[in-house]
ModelCIF file with pLDDT and N, C-alpha, C, O atoms, coordinates in Angstrom:
data_MODEL
#
_entry.id   MODEL 
#
_entity.id                         1 
_entity.type                       polymer 
_entity.pdbx_number_of_molecules   1 
#
_entity_poly.entity_id                      1 
_entity_poly.type                           'polypeptide(L)' 
_entity_poly.nstd_linkage                   no 
_entity_poly.nstd_monomer                   no 
_entity_poly.pdbx_seq_one_letter_code       DTTYDVLCGLRAGAGIAAGVLTGAHDEAALRAAGATH 
_entity_poly.pdbx_seq_one_letter_code_can   DTTYDVLCGLRAGAGIAAGVLTGAHDEAALRAAGATH 
_entity_poly.pdbx_strand_id                 A 
#
loop_
_entity_poly_seq.entity_id 
_entity_poly_seq.num 
_entity_poly_seq.mon_id 
_entity_poly_seq.hetero 
1 1  ASP n 
1 2  THR n 
1 3  THR n 
1 4  TYR n 
1 5  ASP n 
1 6  VAL n 
1 7  LEU n 
1 8  CYS n 
1 9  GLY n 
1 10 LEU n 
1 11 ARG n 
1 12 ALA n 
1 13 GLY n 
1 14 ALA n 
1 15 GLY n 
1 16 ILE n 
1 17 ALA n 
1 18 ALA n 
1 19 GLY n 
1 20 VAL n 
1 21 LEU n 
1 22 THR n 
1 23 GLY n 
1 24 ALA n 
1 25 HIS n 
1 26 ASP n 
1 27 GLU n 
1 28 ALA n 
1 29 ALA n 
1 30 LEU n 
1 31 ARG n 
1 32 ALA n 
1 33 ALA n 
1 34 GLY n 
1 35 ALA n 
1 36 THR n 
1 37 HIS n 
#
_struct_asym.id          A 
_struct_asym.entity_id   1 
#
loop_
_ma_qa_metric.id 
_ma_qa_metric.mode 
_ma_qa_metric.name 
_ma_qa_metric.software_group_id 
_ma_qa_metric.type 
1 global pLDDT . pLDDT 
2 local  pLDDT . pLDDT 
#
_ma_qa_metric_global.metric_id      1 
_ma_qa_metric_global.metric_value   95.81 
_ma_qa_metric_global.model_id       1 
_ma_qa_metric_global.ordinal_id     1 
#
loop_
_ma_qa_metric_local.label_asym_id 
_ma_qa_metric_local.label_comp_id 
_ma_qa_metric_local.label_seq_id 
_ma_qa_metric_local.metric_id 
_ma_qa_metric_local.metric_value 
_ma_qa_metric_local.model_id 
_ma_qa_metric_local.ordinal_id 
A ASP 1  2 95.00 1 1  
A THR 2  2 93.00 1 2  
A THR 3  2 94.00 1 3  
A TYR 4  2 93.00 1 4  
A ASP 5  2 96.00 1 5  
A VAL 6  2 97.00 1 6  
A LEU 7  2 96.00 1 7  
A CYS 8  2 97.00 1 8  
A GLY 9  2 97.00 1 9  
A LEU 10 2 98.00 1 10 
A ARG 11 2 98.00 1 11 
A ALA 12 2 97.00 1 12 
A GLY 13 2 97.00 1 13 
A ALA 14 2 98.00 1 14 
A GLY 15 2 96.00 1 15 
A ILE 16 2 97.00 1 16 
A ALA 17 2 98.00 1 17 
A ALA 18 2 98.00 1 18 
A GLY 19 2 97.00 1 19 
A VAL 20 2 97.00 1 20 
A LEU 21 2 97.00 1 21 
A THR 22 2 95.00 1 22 
A GLY 23 2 89.00 1 23 
A ALA 24 2 85.00 1 24 
A HIS 25 2 91.00 1 25 
A ASP 26 2 94.00 1 26 
A GLU 27 2 97.00 1 27 
A ALA 28 2 97.00 1 28 
A ALA 29 2 95.00 1 29 
A LEU 30 2 97.00 1 30 
A ARG 31 2 97.00 1 31 
A ALA 32 2 97.00 1 32 
A ALA 33 2 96.00 1 33 
A GLY 34 2 97.00 1 34 
A ALA 35 2 98.00 1 35 
A THR 36 2 97.00 1 36 
A HIS 37 2 97.00 1 37 
#
loop_
_atom_site.group_PDB 
_atom_site.id 
_atom_site.type_symbol 
_atom_site.label_atom_id 
_atom_site.label_alt_id 
_atom_site.label_comp_id 
_atom_site.label_asym_id 
_atom_site.label_entity_id 
_atom_site.label_seq_id 
_atom_site.pdbx_PDB_ins_code 
_atom_site.Cartn_x 
_atom_site.Cartn_y 
_atom_site.Cartn_z 
_atom_site.occupancy 
_atom_site.B_iso_or_equiv 
_atom_site.pdbx_formal_charge 
_atom_site.auth_seq_id 
_atom_site.auth_comp_id 
_atom_site.auth_asym_id 
_atom_site.auth_atom_id 
_atom_site.pdbx_PDB_model_num 
ATOM 1   N N  . ASP A 1 1  ? -7.896  -9.080  -11.008 1.00 95.00 ? 1  ASP A N  1 
ATOM 2   C CA . ASP A 1 1  ? -8.422  -8.731  -12.340 1.00 95.00 ? 1  ASP A CA 1 
ATOM 3   C C  . ASP A 1 1  ? -9.480  -7.641  -12.308 1.00 95.00 ? 1  ASP A C  1 
ATOM 4   O O  . ASP A 1 1  ? -10.057 -7.316  -13.345 1.00 95.00 ? 1  ASP A O  1 
ATOM 5   N N  . THR A 1 2  ? -9.750  -7.065  -11.126 1.00 93.00 ? 2  THR A N  1 
ATOM 6   C CA . THR A 1 2  ? -10.813 -6.060  -11.022 1.00 93.00 ? 2  THR A CA 1 
ATOM 7   C C  . THR A 1 2  ? -10.292 -4.769  -10.399 1.00 93.00 ? 2  THR A C  1 
ATOM 8   O O  . THR A 1 2  ? -9.248  -4.742  -9.747  1.00 93.00 ? 2  THR A O  1 
ATOM 9   N N  . THR A 1 3  ? -11.054 -3.700  -10.623 1.00 94.00 ? 3  THR A N  1 
ATOM 10  C CA . THR A 1 3  ? -10.702 -2.426  -10.007 1.00 94.00 ? 3  THR A CA 1 
ATOM 11  C C  . THR A 1 3  ? -10.768 -2.520  -8.486  1.00 94.00 ? 3  THR A C  1 
ATOM 12  O O  . THR A 1 3  ? -10.011 -1.844  -7.790  1.00 94.00 ? 3  THR A O  1 
ATOM 13  N N  . TYR A 1 4  ? -11.659 -3.346  -7.973  1.00 93.00 ? 4  TYR A N  1 
ATOM 14  C CA . TYR A 1 4  ? -11.756 -3.492  -6.524  1.00 93.00 ? 4  TYR A CA 1 
ATOM 15  C C  . TYR A 1 4  ? -10.539 -4.204  -5.941  1.00 93.00 ? 4  TYR A C  1 
ATOM 16  O O  . TYR A 1 4  ? -10.150 -3.925  -4.807  1.00 93.00 ? 4  TYR A O  1 
ATOM 17  N N  . ASP A 1 5  ? -9.932  -5.119  -6.700  1.00 96.00 ? 5  ASP A N  1 
ATOM 18  C CA . ASP A 1 5  ? -8.681  -5.731  -6.257  1.00 96.00 ? 5  ASP A CA 1 
ATOM 19  C C  . ASP A 1 5  ? -7.589  -4.674  -6.143  1.00 96.00 ? 5  ASP A C  1 
ATOM 20  O O  . ASP A 1 5  ? -6.836  -4.639  -5.169  1.00 96.00 ? 5  ASP A O  1 
ATOM 21  N N  . VAL A 1 6  ? -7.519  -3.813  -7.157  1.00 97.00 ? 6  VAL A N  1 
ATOM 22  C CA . VAL A 1 6  ? -6.515  -2.748  -7.158  1.00 97.00 ? 6  VAL A CA 1 
ATOM 23  C C  . VAL A 1 6  ? -6.729  -1.812  -5.974  1.00 97.00 ? 6  VAL A C  1 
ATOM 24  O O  . VAL A 1 6  ? -5.781  -1.498  -5.253  1.00 97.00 ? 6  VAL A O  1 
ATOM 25  N N  . LEU A 1 7  ? -7.964  -1.365  -5.768  1.00 96.00 ? 7  LEU A N  1 
ATOM 26  C CA . LEU A 1 7  ? -8.263  -0.459  -4.668  1.00 96.00 ? 7  LEU A CA 1 
ATOM 27  C C  . LEU A 1 7  ? -7.962  -1.087  -3.316  1.00 96.00 ? 7  LEU A C  1 
ATOM 28  O O  . LEU A 1 7  ? -7.451  -0.417  -2.419  1.00 96.00 ? 7  LEU A O  1 
ATOM 29  N N  . CYS A 1 8  ? -8.271  -2.351  -3.167  1.00 97.00 ? 8  CYS A N  1 
ATOM 30  C CA . CYS A 1 8  ? -7.984  -3.066  -1.923  1.00 97.00 ? 8  CYS A CA 1 
ATOM 31  C C  . CYS A 1 8  ? -6.493  -3.026  -1.617  1.00 97.00 ? 8  CYS A C  1 
ATOM 32  O O  . CYS A 1 8  ? -6.096  -2.741  -0.487  1.00 97.00 ? 8  CYS A O  1 
ATOM 33  N N  . GLY A 1 9  ? -5.667  -3.311  -2.624  1.00 97.00 ? 9  GLY A N  1 
ATOM 34  C CA . GLY A 1 9  ? -4.226  -3.282  -2.430  1.00 97.00 ? 9  GLY A CA 1 
ATOM 35  C C  . GLY A 1 9  ? -3.717  -1.894  -2.098  1.00 97.00 ? 9  GLY A C  1 
ATOM 36  O O  . GLY A 1 9  ? -2.914  -1.730  -1.179  1.00 97.00 ? 9  GLY A O  1 
ATOM 37  N N  . LEU A 1 10 ? -4.172  -0.896  -2.833  1.00 98.00 ? 10 LEU A N  1 
ATOM 38  C CA . LEU A 1 10 ? -3.720  0.476   -2.598  1.00 98.00 ? 10 LEU A CA 1 
ATOM 39  C C  . LEU A 1 10 ? -4.135  0.965   -1.216  1.00 98.00 ? 10 LEU A C  1 
ATOM 40  O O  . LEU A 1 10 ? -3.337  1.583   -0.511  1.00 98.00 ? 10 LEU A O  1 
ATOM 41  N N  . ARG A 1 11 ? -5.370  0.696   -0.826  1.00 98.00 ? 11 ARG A N  1 
ATOM 42  C CA . ARG A 1 11 ? -5.854  1.169   0.471   1.00 98.00 ? 11 ARG A CA 1 
ATOM 43  C C  . ARG A 1 11 ? -5.149  0.485   1.635   1.00 98.00 ? 11 ARG A C  1 
ATOM 44  O O  . ARG A 1 11 ? -5.071  1.039   2.732   1.00 98.00 ? 11 ARG A O  1 
ATOM 45  N N  . ALA A 1 12 ? -4.637  -0.719  1.395   1.00 97.00 ? 12 ALA A N  1 
ATOM 46  C CA . ALA A 1 12 ? -3.884  -1.427  2.434   1.00 97.00 ? 12 ALA A CA 1 
ATOM 47  C C  . ALA A 1 12 ? -2.444  -0.952  2.526   1.00 97.00 ? 12 ALA A C  1 
ATOM 48  O O  . ALA A 1 12 ? -1.734  -1.303  3.469   1.00 97.00 ? 12 ALA A O  1 
ATOM 49  N N  . GLY A 1 13 ? -2.002  -0.147  1.546   1.00 97.00 ? 13 GLY A N  1 
ATOM 50  C CA . GLY A 1 13 ? -0.631  0.349   1.563   1.00 97.00 ? 13 GLY A CA 1 
ATOM 51  C C  . GLY A 1 13 ? 0.368   -0.547  0.868   1.00 97.00 ? 13 GLY A C  1 
ATOM 52  O O  . GLY A 1 13 ? 1.574   -0.393  1.058   1.00 97.00 ? 13 GLY A O  1 
ATOM 53  N N  . ALA A 1 14 ? -0.115  -1.483  0.063   1.00 98.00 ? 14 ALA A N  1 
ATOM 54  C CA . ALA A 1 14 ? 0.805   -2.393  -0.646  1.00 98.00 ? 14 ALA A CA 1 
ATOM 55  C C  . ALA A 1 14 ? 1.721   -1.616  -1.583  1.00 98.00 ? 14 ALA A C  1 
ATOM 56  O O  . ALA A 1 14 ? 1.304   -0.645  -2.214  1.00 98.00 ? 14 ALA A O  1 
ATOM 57  N N  . GLY A 1 15 ? 2.972   -2.054  -1.667  1.00 96.00 ? 15 GLY A N  1 
ATOM 58  C CA . GLY A 1 15 ? 3.928   -1.395  -2.550  1.00 96.00 ? 15 GLY A CA 1 
ATOM 59  C C  . GLY A 1 15 ? 3.611   -1.615  -4.011  1.00 96.00 ? 15 GLY A C  1 
ATOM 60  O O  . GLY A 1 15 ? 3.906   -0.766  -4.851  1.00 96.00 ? 15 GLY A O  1 
ATOM 61  N N  . ILE A 1 16 ? 3.005   -2.760  -4.321  1.00 97.00 ? 16 ILE A N  1 
ATOM 62  C CA . ILE A 1 16 ? 2.585   -3.082  -5.681  1.00 97.00 ? 16 ILE A CA 1 
ATOM 63  C C  . ILE A 1 16 ? 1.123   -3.501  -5.640  1.00 97.00 ? 16 ILE A C  1 
ATOM 64  O O  . ILE A 1 16 ? 0.742   -4.376  -4.863  1.00 97.00 ? 16 ILE A O  1 
ATOM 65  N N  . ALA A 1 17 ? 0.311   -2.876  -6.475  1.00 98.00 ? 17 ALA A N  1 
ATOM 66  C CA . ALA A 1 17 ? -1.100  -3.256  -6.623  1.00 98.00 ? 17 ALA A CA 1 
ATOM 67  C C  . ALA A 1 17 ? -1.342  -3.446  -8.115  1.00 98.00 ? 17 ALA A C  1 
ATOM 68  O O  . ALA A 1 17 ? -1.722  -2.513  -8.823  1.00 98.00 ? 17 ALA A O  1 
ATOM 69  N N  . ALA A 1 18 ? -1.114  -4.671  -8.577  1.00 98.00 ? 18 ALA A N  1 
ATOM 70  C CA . ALA A 1 18 ? -1.149  -4.965  -10.009 1.00 98.00 ? 18 ALA A CA 1 
ATOM 71  C C  . ALA A 1 18 ? -2.527  -5.415  -10.455 1.00 98.00 ? 18 ALA A C  1 
ATOM 72  O O  . ALA A 1 18 ? -3.249  -6.084  -9.716  1.00 98.00 ? 18 ALA A O  1 
ATOM 73  N N  . GLY A 1 19 ? -2.878  -5.038  -11.669 1.00 97.00 ? 19 GLY A N  1 
ATOM 74  C CA . GLY A 1 19 ? -4.064  -5.562  -12.317 1.00 97.00 ? 19 GLY A CA 1 
ATOM 75  C C  . GLY A 1 19 ? -3.659  -6.564  -13.382 1.00 97.00 ? 19 GLY A C  1 
ATOM 76  O O  . GLY A 1 19 ? -2.610  -6.419  -14.008 1.00 97.00 ? 19 GLY A O  1 
ATOM 77  N N  . VAL A 1 20 ? -4.485  -7.578  -13.589 1.00 97.00 ? 20 VAL A N  1 
ATOM 78  C CA . VAL A 1 20 ? -4.225  -8.565  -14.634 1.00 97.00 ? 20 VAL A CA 1 
ATOM 79  C C  . VAL A 1 20 ? -5.406  -8.590  -15.602 1.00 97.00 ? 20 VAL A C  1 
ATOM 80  O O  . VAL A 1 20 ? -6.542  -8.282  -15.239 1.00 97.00 ? 20 VAL A O  1 
ATOM 81  N N  . LEU A 1 21 ? -5.103  -8.965  -16.841 1.00 97.00 ? 21 LEU A N  1 
ATOM 82  C CA . LEU A 1 21 ? -6.089  -8.855  -17.923 1.00 97.00 ? 21 LEU A CA 1 
ATOM 83  C C  . LEU A 1 21 ? -6.750  -10.183 -18.287 1.00 97.00 ? 21 LEU A C  1 
ATOM 84  O O  . LEU A 1 21 ? -7.170  -10.378 -19.427 1.00 97.00 ? 21 LEU A O  1 
ATOM 85  N N  . THR A 1 22 ? -6.841  -11.088 -17.324 1.00 95.00 ? 22 THR A N  1 
ATOM 86  C CA . THR A 1 22 ? -7.426  -12.404 -17.590 1.00 95.00 ? 22 THR A CA 1 
ATOM 87  C C  . THR A 1 22 ? -8.840  -12.534 -17.034 1.00 95.00 ? 22 THR A C  1 
ATOM 88  O O  . THR A 1 22 ? -9.408  -13.626 -17.016 1.00 95.00 ? 22 THR A O  1 
ATOM 89  N N  . GLY A 1 23 ? -9.409  -11.413 -16.580 1.00 89.00 ? 23 GLY A N  1 
ATOM 90  C CA . GLY A 1 23 ? -10.711 -11.512 -15.939 1.00 89.00 ? 23 GLY A CA 1 
ATOM 91  C C  . GLY A 1 23 ? -11.672 -10.416 -16.313 1.00 89.00 ? 23 GLY A C  1 
ATOM 92  O O  . GLY A 1 23 ? -11.910 -10.174 -17.497 1.00 89.00 ? 23 GLY A O  1 
ATOM 93  N N  . ALA A 1 24 ? -12.231 -9.746  -15.320 1.00 85.00 ? 24 ALA A N  1 
ATOM 94  C CA . ALA A 1 24 ? -13.412 -8.910  -15.510 1.00 85.00 ? 24 ALA A CA 1 
ATOM 95  C C  . ALA A 1 24 ? -13.147 -7.555  -16.150 1.00 85.00 ? 24 ALA A C  1 
ATOM 96  O O  . ALA A 1 24 ? -13.929 -7.124  -16.996 1.00 85.00 ? 24 ALA A O  1 
ATOM 97  N N  . HIS A 1 25 ? -12.073 -6.871  -15.776 1.00 91.00 ? 25 HIS A N  1 
ATOM 98  C CA . HIS A 1 25 ? -11.901 -5.476  -16.161 1.00 91.00 ? 25 HIS A CA 1 
ATOM 99  C C  . HIS A 1 25 ? -10.714 -5.272  -17.096 1.00 91.00 ? 25 HIS A C  1 
ATOM 100 O O  . HIS A 1 25 ? -9.726  -6.005  -17.039 1.00 91.00 ? 25 HIS A O  1 
ATOM 101 N N  . ASP A 1 26 ? -10.828 -4.261  -17.958 1.00 94.00 ? 26 ASP A N  1 
ATOM 102 C CA . ASP A 1 26 ? -9.809  -4.028  -18.976 1.00 94.00 ? 26 ASP A CA 1 
ATOM 103 C C  . ASP A 1 26 ? -8.711  -3.094  -18.465 1.00 94.00 ? 26 ASP A C  1 
ATOM 104 O O  . ASP A 1 26 ? -8.762  -2.596  -17.341 1.00 94.00 ? 26 ASP A O  1 
ATOM 105 N N  . GLU A 1 27 ? -7.717  -2.875  -19.331 1.00 97.00 ? 27 GLU A N  1 
ATOM 106 C CA . GLU A 1 27 ? -6.555  -2.095  -18.920 1.00 97.00 ? 27 GLU A CA 1 
ATOM 107 C C  . GLU A 1 27 ? -6.932  -0.678  -18.510 1.00 97.00 ? 27 GLU A C  1 
ATOM 108 O O  . GLU A 1 27 ? -6.426  -0.163  -17.512 1.00 97.00 ? 27 GLU A O  1 
ATOM 109 N N  . ALA A 1 28 ? -7.816  -0.048  -19.273 1.00 97.00 ? 28 ALA A N  1 
ATOM 110 C CA . ALA A 1 28 ? -8.200  1.324   -18.964 1.00 97.00 ? 28 ALA A CA 1 
ATOM 111 C C  . ALA A 1 28 ? -8.821  1.421   -17.567 1.00 97.00 ? 28 ALA A C  1 
ATOM 112 O O  . ALA A 1 28 ? -8.504  2.336   -16.807 1.00 97.00 ? 28 ALA A O  1 
ATOM 113 N N  . ALA A 1 29 ? -9.697  0.486   -17.236 1.00 95.00 ? 29 ALA A N  1 
ATOM 114 C CA . ALA A 1 29 ? -10.348 0.505   -15.923 1.00 95.00 ? 29 ALA A CA 1 
ATOM 115 C C  . ALA A 1 29 ? -9.334  0.259   -14.806 1.00 95.00 ? 29 ALA A C  1 
ATOM 116 O O  . ALA A 1 29 ? -9.383  0.918   -13.768 1.00 95.00 ? 29 ALA A O  1 
ATOM 117 N N  . LEU A 1 30 ? -8.427  -0.678  -15.013 1.00 97.00 ? 30 LEU A N  1 
ATOM 118 C CA . LEU A 1 30 ? -7.438  -0.998  -13.989 1.00 97.00 ? 30 LEU A CA 1 
ATOM 119 C C  . LEU A 1 30 ? -6.494  0.177   -13.762 1.00 97.00 ? 30 LEU A C  1 
ATOM 120 O O  . LEU A 1 30 ? -6.150  0.488   -12.622 1.00 97.00 ? 30 LEU A O  1 
ATOM 121 N N  . ARG A 1 31 ? -6.080  0.824   -14.832 1.00 97.00 ? 31 ARG A N  1 
ATOM 122 C CA . ARG A 1 31 ? -5.197  1.992   -14.683 1.00 97.00 ? 31 ARG A CA 1 
ATOM 123 C C  . ARG A 1 31 ? -5.933  3.148   -14.025 1.00 97.00 ? 31 ARG A C  1 
ATOM 124 O O  . ARG A 1 31 ? -5.359  3.866   -13.207 1.00 97.00 ? 31 ARG A O  1 
ATOM 125 N N  . ALA A 1 32 ? -7.193  3.332   -14.374 1.00 97.00 ? 32 ALA A N  1 
ATOM 126 C CA . ALA A 1 32 ? -7.978  4.399   -13.762 1.00 97.00 ? 32 ALA A CA 1 
ATOM 127 C C  . ALA A 1 32 ? -8.133  4.182   -12.257 1.00 97.00 ? 32 ALA A C  1 
ATOM 128 O O  . ALA A 1 32 ? -8.243  5.142   -11.495 1.00 97.00 ? 32 ALA A O  1 
ATOM 129 N N  . ALA A 1 33 ? -8.140  2.925   -11.836 1.00 96.00 ? 33 ALA A N  1 
ATOM 130 C CA . ALA A 1 33 ? -8.241  2.609   -10.412 1.00 96.00 ? 33 ALA A CA 1 
ATOM 131 C C  . ALA A 1 33 ? -6.928  2.838   -9.678  1.00 96.00 ? 33 ALA A C  1 
ATOM 132 O O  . ALA A 1 33 ? -6.895  2.848   -8.448  1.00 96.00 ? 33 ALA A O  1 
ATOM 133 N N  . GLY A 1 34 ? -5.831  3.024   -10.441 1.00 97.00 ? 34 GLY A N  1 
ATOM 134 C CA . GLY A 1 34 ? -4.547  3.307   -9.819  1.00 97.00 ? 34 GLY A CA 1 
ATOM 135 C C  . GLY A 1 34 ? -3.565  2.151   -9.817  1.00 97.00 ? 34 GLY A C  1 
ATOM 136 O O  . GLY A 1 34 ? -2.591  2.174   -9.064  1.00 97.00 ? 34 GLY A O  1 
ATOM 137 N N  . ALA A 1 35 ? -3.801  1.137   -10.646 1.00 98.00 ? 35 ALA A N  1 
ATOM 138 C CA . ALA A 1 35 ? -2.896  -0.017  -10.679 1.00 98.00 ? 35 ALA A CA 1 
ATOM 139 C C  . ALA A 1 35 ? -1.450  0.422   -10.913 1.00 98.00 ? 35 ALA A C  1 
ATOM 140 O O  . ALA A 1 35 ? -1.170  1.224   -11.805 1.00 98.00 ? 35 ALA A O  1 
ATOM 141 N N  . THR A 1 36 ? -0.547  -0.109  -10.108 1.00 97.00 ? 36 THR A N  1 
ATOM 142 C CA . THR A 1 36 ? 0.873   0.203   -10.284 1.00 97.00 ? 36 THR A CA 1 
ATOM 143 C C  . THR A 1 36 ? 1.451   -0.514  -11.495 1.00 97.00 ? 36 THR A C  1 
ATOM 144 O O  . THR A 1 36 ? 2.418   -0.050  -12.098 1.00 97.00 ? 36 THR A O  1 
ATOM 145 N N  . HIS A 1 37 ? 0.857   -1.640  -11.845 1.00 97.00 ? 37 HIS A N  1 
ATOM 146 C CA . HIS A 1 37 ? 1.253   -2.432  -13.012 1.00 97.00 ? 37 HIS A CA 1 
ATOM 147 C C  . HIS A 1 37 ? -0.019  -3.012  -13.628 1.00 97.00 ? 37 HIS A C  1 
ATOM 148 O O  . HIS A 1 37 ? 0.050   -3.723  -14.631 1.00 97.00 ? 37 HIS A O  1 
#
């Protein structure tokens, strides 16, 4: 649910680094971090 979750996934090379909207950060922040979904 955070931009740091998204960055962690992307930096590890995960094929999917999804953000979810049930927690701390909103859609704009998650997309700005590079969320694949």
